[in-house]
């Protein structure tokens, strides 16, 4: 008869095996991208596929030096601006919807959440007409304006703030603190985990966003990194090597942000009502 300890060890071994197998499956596309970015165009279509190139080359990365530093800078500028503005609007909105009692609060919050159910394609044309009327077409300001507000981020942070007891607010109000003081000095520092979670979600989405810049940006010097990758797509041919090299570089910032914020990310998700 198998002892409890041995049974537990077997179960853990099976779990680790399954997790390692799943990790390998997830990492295969990344390994293919890394391998292909180091090959010349002719070697990309060799069969069978070689993970280790016969002759590694840096030509694909060299082709990025002309324009892609500018595209990367544009992506950093636009993404960081949107993330900062979103954190401000989402956190203040979440505080108002969670810690301040006012008539019609829950109804308006429900309508705000309902906006997430509207497909982006349904409002694409009205948004475009408004942006053009405002004179913001073909500017980074258009991208920032369209990404400045987030119903999901407001919901995420609100759920976390609801878990903070109201006794903190009541005690601060008794001491004469104003709402802005309570928000900035008390509630916001306690919500650091969920704010980092929102930053990660927002950064990942807007860093990889291709569709919005495609609609609103036409000038070459204003292109973001995902949009700039289309430079290697021609009518008759796609230059896969440089495109994969650009894709590999674009992964690095998202990976860095997640690695630095993963501790707070897990804590924030677990405390925001999004856990399974």
C-alpha atoms as a PDB file:
ATOM      1  CA  UNK A   1       0.000   0.000   0.000  1.00  0.00           C
ATOM      2  CA  UNK A   2       1.428   3.404  -0.994  1.00  0.00           C
ATOM      3  CA  UNK A   3       2.048   5.702   1.940  1.00  0.00           C
ATOM      4  CA  UNK A   4       0.511   9.150   2.078  1.00  0.00           C
ATOM      5  CA  UNK A   5       3.942  10.780   1.656  1.00  0.00           C
ATOM      6  CA  UNK A   6       4.779   8.768  -1.475  1.00  0.00           C
ATOM      7  CA  UNK A   7       1.338   9.452  -2.916  1.00  0.00           C
ATOM      8  CA  UNK A   8       1.835  13.165  -2.327  1.00  0.00           C
ATOM      9  CA  UNK A   9       5.264  13.061  -4.003  1.00  0.00           C
ATOM     10  CA  UNK A  10       3.791  11.281  -7.044  1.00  0.00           C
ATOM     11  CA  UNK A  11       1.007  13.881  -7.292  1.00  0.00           C
ATOM     12  CA  UNK A  12       3.546  16.730  -7.106  1.00  0.00           C
ATOM     13  CA  UNK A  13       5.698  15.038  -9.742  1.00  0.00           C
ATOM     14  CA  UNK A  14       2.734  14.756 -12.101  1.00  0.00           C
ATOM     15  CA  UNK A  15       1.817  18.417 -11.471  1.00  0.00           C
ATOM     16  CA  UNK A  16       5.367  19.581 -12.189  1.00  0.00           C
ATOM     17  CA  UNK A  17       5.516  17.454 -15.333  1.00  0.00           C
ATOM     18  CA  UNK A  18       2.242  18.942 -16.615  1.00  0.00           C
ATOM     19  CA  UNK A  19       3.360  22.500 -15.776  1.00  0.00           C
ATOM     20  CA  UNK A  20       6.746  22.006 -17.475  1.00  0.00           C
ATOM     21  CA  UNK A  21       5.049  20.529 -20.548  1.00  0.00           C
ATOM     22  CA  UNK A  22       2.615  23.473 -20.739  1.00  0.00           C
ATOM     23  CA  UNK A  23       5.502  25.940 -20.287  1.00  0.00           C
ATOM     24  CA  UNK A  24       7.393  24.334 -23.177  1.00  0.00           C
ATOM     25  CA  UNK A  25       4.292  24.537 -25.407  1.00  0.00           C
ATOM     26  CA  UNK A  26       3.899  28.232 -24.548  1.00  0.00           C
ATOM     27  CA  UNK A  27       7.601  28.961 -25.133  1.00  0.00           C
ATOM     28  CA  UNK A  28       7.823  27.243 -28.546  1.00  0.00           C
ATOM     29  CA  UNK A  29       6.551  30.310 -30.512  1.00  0.00           C
ATOM     30  CA  UNK A  30       9.056  32.517 -28.664  1.00  0.00           C
ATOM     31  CA  UNK A  31      11.901  30.084 -29.416  1.00  0.00           C
ATOM     32  CA  UNK A  32      10.871  30.012 -33.093  1.00  0.00           C
ATOM     33  CA  UNK A  33      10.879  33.830 -33.161  1.00  0.00           C
ATOM     34  CA  UNK A  34      14.349  33.993 -31.608  1.00  0.00           C
ATOM     35  CA  UNK A  35      15.695  31.353 -33.981  1.00  0.00           C
ATOM     36  CA  UNK A  36      14.131  32.890 -37.091  1.00  0.00           C
ATOM     37  CA  UNK A  37      15.355  36.395 -36.253  1.00  0.00           C
ATOM     38  CA  UNK A  38      18.924  35.069 -36.490  1.00  0.00           C
ATOM     39  CA  UNK A  39      18.472  33.487 -39.937  1.00  0.00           C
ATOM     40  CA  UNK A  40      18.686  34.918 -43.425  1.00  0.00           C
ATOM     41  CA  UNK A  41      15.576  34.888 -45.626  1.00  0.00           C
ATOM     42  CA  UNK A  42      16.457  31.686 -47.478  1.00  0.00           C
ATOM     43  CA  UNK A  43      17.072  29.708 -44.273  1.00  0.00           C
ATOM     44  CA  UNK A  44      13.709  30.686 -42.799  1.00  0.00           C
ATOM     45  CA  UNK A  45      11.868  28.155 -44.945  1.00  0.00           C
ATOM     46  CA  UNK A  46      14.241  25.214 -44.513  1.00  0.00           C
ATOM     47  CA  UNK A  47      12.525  21.892 -43.855  1.00  0.00           C
ATOM     48  CA  UNK A  48      12.757  20.384 -41.334  1.00  0.00           C
ATOM     49  CA  UNK A  49      12.851  23.513 -39.171  1.00  0.00           C
ATOM     50  CA  UNK A  50      16.133  24.131 -37.329  1.00  0.00           C
ATOM     51  CA  UNK A  51      15.966  25.809 -33.926  1.00  0.00           C
ATOM     52  CA  UNK A  52      19.736  26.394 -34.055  1.00  0.00           C
ATOM     53  CA  UNK A  53      20.667  28.199 -37.308  1.00  0.00           C
ATOM     54  CA  UNK A  54      23.480  26.767 -39.422  1.00  0.00           C
ATOM     55  CA  UNK A  55      24.861  30.274 -39.806  1.00  0.00           C
ATOM     56  CA  UNK A  56      23.526  32.933 -37.448  1.00  0.00           C
ATOM     57  CA  UNK A  57      23.295  36.485 -38.788  1.00  0.00           C
ATOM     58  CA  UNK A  58      22.553  39.889 -37.284  1.00  0.00           C
ATOM     59  CA  UNK A  59      21.440  41.404 -40.608  1.00  0.00           C
ATOM     60  CA  UNK A  60      17.789  41.315 -39.572  1.00  0.00           C
ATOM     61  CA  UNK A  61      18.511  43.497 -36.533  1.00  0.00           C
ATOM     62  CA  UNK A  62      20.788  45.775 -38.570  1.00  0.00           C
ATOM     63  CA  UNK A  63      17.862  46.622 -40.863  1.00  0.00           C
ATOM     64  CA  UNK A  64      15.969  47.993 -37.843  1.00  0.00           C
ATOM     65  CA  UNK A  65      18.546  50.668 -37.016  1.00  0.00           C
ATOM     66  CA  UNK A  66      17.276  53.238 -39.524  1.00  0.00           C
ATOM     67  CA  UNK A  67      13.688  53.788 -38.340  1.00  0.00           C
ATOM     68  CA  UNK A  68      12.898  51.476 -35.451  1.00  0.00           C
ATOM     69  CA  UNK A  69      14.607  53.496 -32.684  1.00  0.00           C
ATOM     70  CA  UNK A  70      12.142  56.294 -33.562  1.00  0.00           C
ATOM     71  CA  UNK A  71       9.203  53.872 -33.689  1.00  0.00           C
ATOM     72  CA  UNK A  72      10.235  52.483 -30.297  1.00  0.00           C
ATOM     73  CA  UNK A  73      10.484  55.983 -28.833  1.00  0.00           C
ATOM     74  CA  UNK A  74       7.007  56.801 -30.166  1.00  0.00           C
ATOM     75  CA  UNK A  75       5.595  53.640 -28.594  1.00  0.00           C
ATOM     76  CA  UNK A  76       7.256  54.406 -25.258  1.00  0.00           C
ATOM     77  CA  UNK A  77       5.967  57.995 -25.289  1.00  0.00           C
ATOM     78  CA  UNK A  78       2.393  57.122 -26.236  1.00  0.00           C
ATOM     79  CA  UNK A  79       2.126  54.039 -24.010  1.00  0.00           C
ATOM     80  CA  UNK A  80       3.575  55.659 -20.869  1.00  0.00           C
ATOM     81  CA  UNK A  81       1.378  58.745 -21.320  1.00  0.00           C
ATOM     82  CA  UNK A  82      -1.754  56.617 -21.667  1.00  0.00           C
ATOM     83  CA  UNK A  83      -0.806  54.429 -18.692  1.00  0.00           C
ATOM     84  CA  UNK A  84      -0.241  57.452 -16.440  1.00  0.00           C
ATOM     85  CA  UNK A  85      -3.496  59.134 -17.496  1.00  0.00           C
ATOM     86  CA  UNK A  86      -5.440  55.873 -17.155  1.00  0.00           C
ATOM     87  CA  UNK A  87      -4.159  55.257 -13.630  1.00  0.00           C
ATOM     88  CA  UNK A  88      -5.241  58.776 -12.640  1.00  0.00           C
ATOM     89  CA  UNK A  89      -8.718  58.586 -14.195  1.00  0.00           C
ATOM     90  CA  UNK A  90      -9.382  54.972 -13.160  1.00  0.00           C
ATOM     91  CA  UNK A  91      -8.229  55.401  -9.543  1.00  0.00           C
ATOM     92  CA  UNK A  92     -10.168  58.626  -8.973  1.00  0.00           C
ATOM     93  CA  UNK A  93     -13.261  57.120 -10.603  1.00  0.00           C
ATOM     94  CA  UNK A  94     -12.909  53.956  -8.529  1.00  0.00           C
ATOM     95  CA  UNK A  95     -12.664  55.992  -5.330  1.00  0.00           C
ATOM     96  CA  UNK A  96     -15.803  57.973  -6.175  1.00  0.00           C
ATOM     97  CA  UNK A  97     -17.706  54.779  -7.029  1.00  0.00           C
ATOM     98  CA  UNK A  98     -16.564  52.871  -3.931  1.00  0.00           C
ATOM     99  CA  UNK A  99     -15.978  55.273  -1.028  1.00  0.00           C
ATOM    100  CA  UNK A 100     -18.368  58.200  -1.556  1.00  0.00           C
ATOM    101  CA  UNK A 101     -22.141  57.820  -1.218  1.00  0.00           C
ATOM    102  CA  UNK A 102     -24.169  59.852  -3.728  1.00  0.00           C
ATOM    103  CA  UNK A 103     -27.509  59.491  -5.436  1.00  0.00           C
ATOM    104  CA  UNK A 104     -27.508  57.342  -8.560  1.00  0.00           C
ATOM    105  CA  UNK A 105     -23.953  56.096  -7.980  1.00  0.00           C
ATOM    106  CA  UNK A 106     -24.647  52.421  -8.679  1.00  0.00           C
ATOM    107  CA  UNK A 107     -26.806  53.179 -11.725  1.00  0.00           C
ATOM    108  CA  UNK A 108     -24.127  55.344 -13.328  1.00  0.00           C
ATOM    109  CA  UNK A 109     -21.464  52.762 -12.488  1.00  0.00           C
ATOM    110  CA  UNK A 110     -23.611  50.085 -14.147  1.00  0.00           C
ATOM    111  CA  UNK A 111     -23.921  52.214 -17.278  1.00  0.00           C
ATOM    112  CA  UNK A 112     -20.168  52.811 -17.225  1.00  0.00           C
ATOM    113  CA  UNK A 113     -19.558  49.059 -17.080  1.00  0.00           C
ATOM    114  CA  UNK A 114     -22.099  48.497 -19.857  1.00  0.00           C
ATOM    115  CA  UNK A 115     -19.866  50.523 -22.167  1.00  0.00           C
ATOM    116  CA  UNK A 116     -17.464  47.555 -22.162  1.00  0.00           C
ATOM    117  CA  UNK A 117     -20.103  45.523 -23.987  1.00  0.00           C
ATOM    118  CA  UNK A 118     -20.140  47.898 -26.964  1.00  0.00           C
ATOM    119  CA  UNK A 119     -17.827  46.590 -29.727  1.00  0.00           C
ATOM    120  CA  UNK A 120     -15.094  49.048 -30.674  1.00  0.00           C
ATOM    121  CA  UNK A 121     -16.136  48.680 -34.317  1.00  0.00           C
ATOM    122  CA  UNK A 122     -19.556  50.149 -33.462  1.00  0.00           C
ATOM    123  CA  UNK A 123     -18.066  53.484 -32.369  1.00  0.00           C
ATOM    124  CA  UNK A 124     -15.125  53.565 -34.759  1.00  0.00           C
ATOM    125  CA  UNK A 125     -16.644  55.983 -37.285  1.00  0.00           C
ATOM    126  CA  UNK A 126     -18.075  58.458 -34.713  1.00  0.00           C
ATOM    127  CA  UNK A 127     -14.724  58.486 -32.897  1.00  0.00           C
ATOM    128  CA  UNK A 128     -12.870  59.108 -36.138  1.00  0.00           C
ATOM    129  CA  UNK A 129     -15.157  62.031 -37.062  1.00  0.00           C
ATOM    130  CA  UNK A 130     -14.767  63.578 -33.599  1.00  0.00           C
ATOM    131  CA  UNK A 131     -10.977  63.240 -33.631  1.00  0.00           C
ATOM    132  CA  UNK A 132     -10.753  64.786 -37.112  1.00  0.00           C
ATOM    133  CA  UNK A 133     -13.115  67.610 -36.122  1.00  0.00           C
ATOM    134  CA  UNK A 134     -10.891  68.362 -33.110  1.00  0.00           C
ATOM    135  CA  UNK A 135      -7.859  68.629 -35.406  1.00  0.00           C
ATOM    136  CA  UNK A 136      -6.087  65.706 -33.725  1.00  0.00           C
ATOM    137  CA  UNK A 137      -5.933  63.370 -36.720  1.00  0.00           C
ATOM    138  CA  UNK A 138      -2.393  62.104 -37.404  1.00  0.00           C
ATOM    139  CA  UNK A 139      -1.133  63.098 -33.945  1.00  0.00           C
ATOM    140  CA  UNK A 140      -0.135  61.130 -30.872  1.00  0.00           C
ATOM    141  CA  UNK A 141      -2.668  63.194 -28.924  1.00  0.00           C
ATOM    142  CA  UNK A 142      -5.452  61.276 -30.704  1.00  0.00           C
ATOM    143  CA  UNK A 143      -4.080  57.960 -29.421  1.00  0.00           C
ATOM    144  CA  UNK A 144      -3.712  59.343 -25.889  1.00  0.00           C
ATOM    145  CA  UNK A 145      -7.213  60.829 -25.838  1.00  0.00           C
ATOM    146  CA  UNK A 146      -8.830  57.595 -27.028  1.00  0.00           C
ATOM    147  CA  UNK A 147      -6.981  55.555 -24.402  1.00  0.00           C
ATOM    148  CA  UNK A 148      -7.317  57.908 -21.433  1.00  0.00           C
ATOM    149  CA  UNK A 149     -10.401  56.313 -19.880  1.00  0.00           C
ATOM    150  CA  UNK A 150     -10.969  52.666 -19.028  1.00  0.00           C
ATOM    151  CA  UNK A 151     -14.141  51.098 -17.660  1.00  0.00           C
ATOM    152  CA  UNK A 152     -12.278  47.861 -16.935  1.00  0.00           C
ATOM    153  CA  UNK A 153      -9.538  49.662 -14.982  1.00  0.00           C
ATOM    154  CA  UNK A 154     -12.116  51.583 -12.960  1.00  0.00           C
ATOM    155  CA  UNK A 155     -13.936  48.330 -12.176  1.00  0.00           C
ATOM    156  CA  UNK A 156     -10.703  46.554 -11.243  1.00  0.00           C
ATOM    157  CA  UNK A 157      -9.534  49.256  -8.837  1.00  0.00           C
ATOM    158  CA  UNK A 158     -13.034  49.778  -7.417  1.00  0.00           C
ATOM    159  CA  UNK A 159     -13.294  46.095  -6.517  1.00  0.00           C
ATOM    160  CA  UNK A 160     -10.030  46.369  -4.605  1.00  0.00           C
ATOM    161  CA  UNK A 161     -11.046  49.568  -2.829  1.00  0.00           C
ATOM    162  CA  UNK A 162     -14.307  47.952  -1.713  1.00  0.00           C
ATOM    163  CA  UNK A 163     -12.198  45.485   0.284  1.00  0.00           C
ATOM    164  CA  UNK A 164     -10.681  48.382   2.275  1.00  0.00           C
ATOM    165  CA  UNK A 165     -12.892  48.949   5.376  1.00  0.00           C
ATOM    166  CA  UNK A 166     -14.839  52.231   5.452  1.00  0.00           C
ATOM    167  CA  UNK A 167     -13.643  52.733   9.025  1.00  0.00           C
ATOM    168  CA  UNK A 168     -10.416  54.215   7.609  1.00  0.00           C
ATOM    169  CA  UNK A 169     -12.377  56.879   5.724  1.00  0.00           C
ATOM    170  CA  UNK A 170     -14.672  57.592   8.664  1.00  0.00           C
ATOM    171  CA  UNK A 171     -11.763  57.978  11.071  1.00  0.00           C
ATOM    172  CA  UNK A 172      -9.995  60.338   8.679  1.00  0.00           C
ATOM    173  CA  UNK A 173     -13.156  62.416   8.197  1.00  0.00           C
ATOM    174  CA  UNK A 174     -13.593  62.700  11.952  1.00  0.00           C
ATOM    175  CA  UNK A 175     -10.027  64.048  12.121  1.00  0.00           C
ATOM    176  CA  UNK A 176     -11.033  66.697   9.558  1.00  0.00           C
ATOM    177  CA  UNK A 177      -9.385  65.237   6.464  1.00  0.00           C
ATOM    178  CA  UNK A 178     -10.833  66.209   3.078  1.00  0.00           C
ATOM    179  CA  UNK A 179     -11.708  63.609   0.450  1.00  0.00           C
ATOM    180  CA  UNK A 180      -8.646  64.405  -1.672  1.00  0.00           C
ATOM    181  CA  UNK A 181      -6.418  63.975   1.389  1.00  0.00           C
ATOM    182  CA  UNK A 182      -8.041  60.658   2.248  1.00  0.00           C
ATOM    183  CA  UNK A 183      -7.696  59.464  -1.344  1.00  0.00           C
ATOM    184  CA  UNK A 184      -4.075  60.530  -1.853  1.00  0.00           C
ATOM    185  CA  UNK A 185      -2.664  59.831   1.605  1.00  0.00           C
ATOM    186  CA  UNK A 186      -4.673  56.816   2.744  1.00  0.00           C
ATOM    187  CA  UNK A 187      -6.567  54.837   0.089  1.00  0.00           C
ATOM    188  CA  UNK A 188      -4.129  55.214  -2.812  1.00  0.00           C
ATOM    189  CA  UNK A 189      -1.058  53.889  -0.923  1.00  0.00           C
ATOM    190  CA  UNK A 190      -3.134  50.918   0.266  1.00  0.00           C
ATOM    191  CA  UNK A 191      -4.136  50.192  -3.340  1.00  0.00           C
ATOM    192  CA  UNK A 192      -0.590  49.892  -4.688  1.00  0.00           C
ATOM    193  CA  UNK A 193      -1.021  46.240  -5.702  1.00  0.00           C
ATOM    194  CA  UNK A 194      -4.088  46.842  -7.864  1.00  0.00           C
ATOM    195  CA  UNK A 195      -2.562  49.988  -9.384  1.00  0.00           C
ATOM    196  CA  UNK A 196       0.453  47.962 -10.526  1.00  0.00           C
ATOM    197  CA  UNK A 197      -1.945  45.344 -11.910  1.00  0.00           C
ATOM    198  CA  UNK A 198      -3.744  48.015 -13.921  1.00  0.00           C
ATOM    199  CA  UNK A 199      -0.420  49.396 -15.151  1.00  0.00           C
ATOM    200  CA  UNK A 200       0.583  45.948 -16.444  1.00  0.00           C
ATOM    201  CA  UNK A 201      -2.758  45.367 -18.176  1.00  0.00           C
ATOM    202  CA  UNK A 202      -2.744  48.841 -19.722  1.00  0.00           C
ATOM    203  CA  UNK A 203       0.922  48.800 -20.769  1.00  0.00           C
ATOM    204  CA  UNK A 204       0.617  45.406 -22.447  1.00  0.00           C
ATOM    205  CA  UNK A 205      -2.497  46.403 -24.401  1.00  0.00           C
ATOM    206  CA  UNK A 206      -1.360  49.795 -25.695  1.00  0.00           C
ATOM    207  CA  UNK A 207       2.224  48.706 -26.346  1.00  0.00           C
ATOM    208  CA  UNK A 208       0.899  46.005 -28.689  1.00  0.00           C
ATOM    209  CA  UNK A 209      -1.975  48.068 -30.117  1.00  0.00           C
ATOM    210  CA  UNK A 210      -1.878  48.060 -33.906  1.00  0.00           C
ATOM    211  CA  UNK A 211      -5.454  48.857 -34.911  1.00  0.00           C
ATOM    212  CA  UNK A 212      -5.796  52.351 -33.394  1.00  0.00           C
ATOM    213  CA  UNK A 213      -2.502  53.743 -34.781  1.00  0.00           C
ATOM    214  CA  UNK A 214      -3.381  52.206 -38.146  1.00  0.00           C
ATOM    215  CA  UNK A 215      -6.530  54.365 -38.290  1.00  0.00           C
ATOM    216  CA  UNK A 216      -5.198  57.627 -36.871  1.00  0.00           C
ATOM    217  CA  UNK A 217      -1.502  57.756 -37.835  1.00  0.00           C
ATOM    218  CA  UNK A 218      -0.328  58.276 -41.419  1.00  0.00           C
ATOM    219  CA  UNK A 219       2.971  60.169 -41.054  1.00  0.00           C
ATOM    220  CA  UNK A 220       5.957  57.832 -41.054  1.00  0.00           C
ATOM    221  CA  UNK A 221       7.786  59.616 -38.213  1.00  0.00           C
ATOM    222  CA  UNK A 222       4.754  59.238 -35.917  1.00  0.00           C
ATOM    223  CA  UNK A 223       4.387  55.478 -36.325  1.00  0.00           C
ATOM    224  CA  UNK A 224       4.455  53.275 -33.247  1.00  0.00           C
ATOM    225  CA  UNK A 225       6.378  50.005 -33.127  1.00  0.00           C
ATOM    226  CA  UNK A 226       3.513  47.630 -34.102  1.00  0.00           C
ATOM    227  CA  UNK A 227       2.554  49.910 -36.993  1.00  0.00           C
ATOM    228  CA  UNK A 228       6.188  50.302 -38.054  1.00  0.00           C
ATOM    229  CA  UNK A 229       6.499  46.540 -38.446  1.00  0.00           C
ATOM    230  CA  UNK A 230       4.325  46.811 -41.553  1.00  0.00           C
ATOM    231  CA  UNK A 231       7.296  48.476 -43.295  1.00  0.00           C
ATOM    232  CA  UNK A 232       8.498  44.969 -44.108  1.00  0.00           C
ATOM    233  CA  UNK A 233       5.235  43.924 -45.734  1.00  0.00           C
ATOM    234  CA  UNK A 234       5.195  44.499 -49.470  1.00  0.00           C
ATOM    235  CA  UNK A 235       2.564  43.748 -52.076  1.00  0.00           C
ATOM    236  CA  UNK A 236       4.485  40.794 -53.465  1.00  0.00           C
ATOM    237  CA  UNK A 237       6.642  39.732 -50.520  1.00  0.00           C
ATOM    238  CA  UNK A 238       6.982  39.816 -46.730  1.00  0.00           C
ATOM    239  CA  UNK A 239      10.457  40.251 -45.232  1.00  0.00           C
ATOM    240  CA  UNK A 240       9.988  37.820 -42.375  1.00  0.00           C
ATOM    241  CA  UNK A 241      13.497  38.051 -40.900  1.00  0.00           C
ATOM    242  CA  UNK A 242      13.456  41.773 -39.996  1.00  0.00           C
ATOM    243  CA  UNK A 243       9.800  41.557 -38.982  1.00  0.00           C
ATOM    244  CA  UNK A 244      10.518  38.734 -36.528  1.00  0.00           C
ATOM    245  CA  UNK A 245      13.537  40.634 -35.209  1.00  0.00           C
ATOM    246  CA  UNK A 246      11.288  43.654 -34.580  1.00  0.00           C
ATOM    247  CA  UNK A 247       8.694  41.414 -32.902  1.00  0.00           C
ATOM    248  CA  UNK A 248      11.382  40.003 -30.620  1.00  0.00           C
ATOM    249  CA  UNK A 249      12.511  43.487 -29.586  1.00  0.00           C
ATOM    250  CA  UNK A 250       8.902  44.552 -28.950  1.00  0.00           C
ATOM    251  CA  UNK A 251       8.473  41.737 -26.415  1.00  0.00           C
ATOM    252  CA  UNK A 252      11.265  42.974 -24.143  1.00  0.00           C
ATOM    253  CA  UNK A 253       9.548  46.049 -22.565  1.00  0.00           C
ATOM    254  CA  UNK A 254       6.379  44.081 -21.731  1.00  0.00           C
ATOM    255  CA  UNK A 255       8.491  41.316 -20.212  1.00  0.00           C
ATOM    256  CA  UNK A 256      10.441  43.808 -18.087  1.00  0.00           C
ATOM    257  CA  UNK A 257       7.261  45.504 -16.827  1.00  0.00           C
ATOM    258  CA  UNK A 258       5.718  42.157 -15.890  1.00  0.00           C
ATOM    259  CA  UNK A 259       8.856  40.835 -14.163  1.00  0.00           C
ATOM    260  CA  UNK A 260       9.104  43.948 -11.998  1.00  0.00           C
ATOM    261  CA  UNK A 261       5.398  43.974 -11.201  1.00  0.00           C
ATOM    262  CA  UNK A 262       4.492  40.267 -11.024  1.00  0.00           C
ATOM    263  CA  UNK A 263       4.417  40.216  -7.196  1.00  0.00           C
ATOM    264  CA  UNK A 264       1.855  43.043  -7.071  1.00  0.00           C
ATOM    265  CA  UNK A 265       0.071  41.689 -10.154  1.00  0.00           C
ATOM    266  CA  UNK A 266      -0.790  38.392  -8.442  1.00  0.00           C
ATOM    267  CA  UNK A 267      -1.793  40.185  -5.246  1.00  0.00           C
ATOM    268  CA  UNK A 268      -3.889  42.738  -7.111  1.00  0.00           C
ATOM    269  CA  UNK A 269      -5.804  40.160  -9.170  1.00  0.00           C
ATOM    270  CA  UNK A 270      -6.415  37.993  -6.108  1.00  0.00           C
ATOM    271  CA  UNK A 271      -7.830  40.949  -4.164  1.00  0.00           C
ATOM    272  CA  UNK A 272      -9.956  42.515  -6.909  1.00  0.00           C
ATOM    273  CA  UNK A 273     -12.714  39.986  -7.391  1.00  0.00           C
ATOM    274  CA  UNK A 274     -11.165  38.574 -10.593  1.00  0.00           C
ATOM    275  CA  UNK A 275      -9.896  35.320  -9.133  1.00  0.00           C
ATOM    276  CA  UNK A 276     -11.363  32.086 -10.454  1.00  0.00           C
END
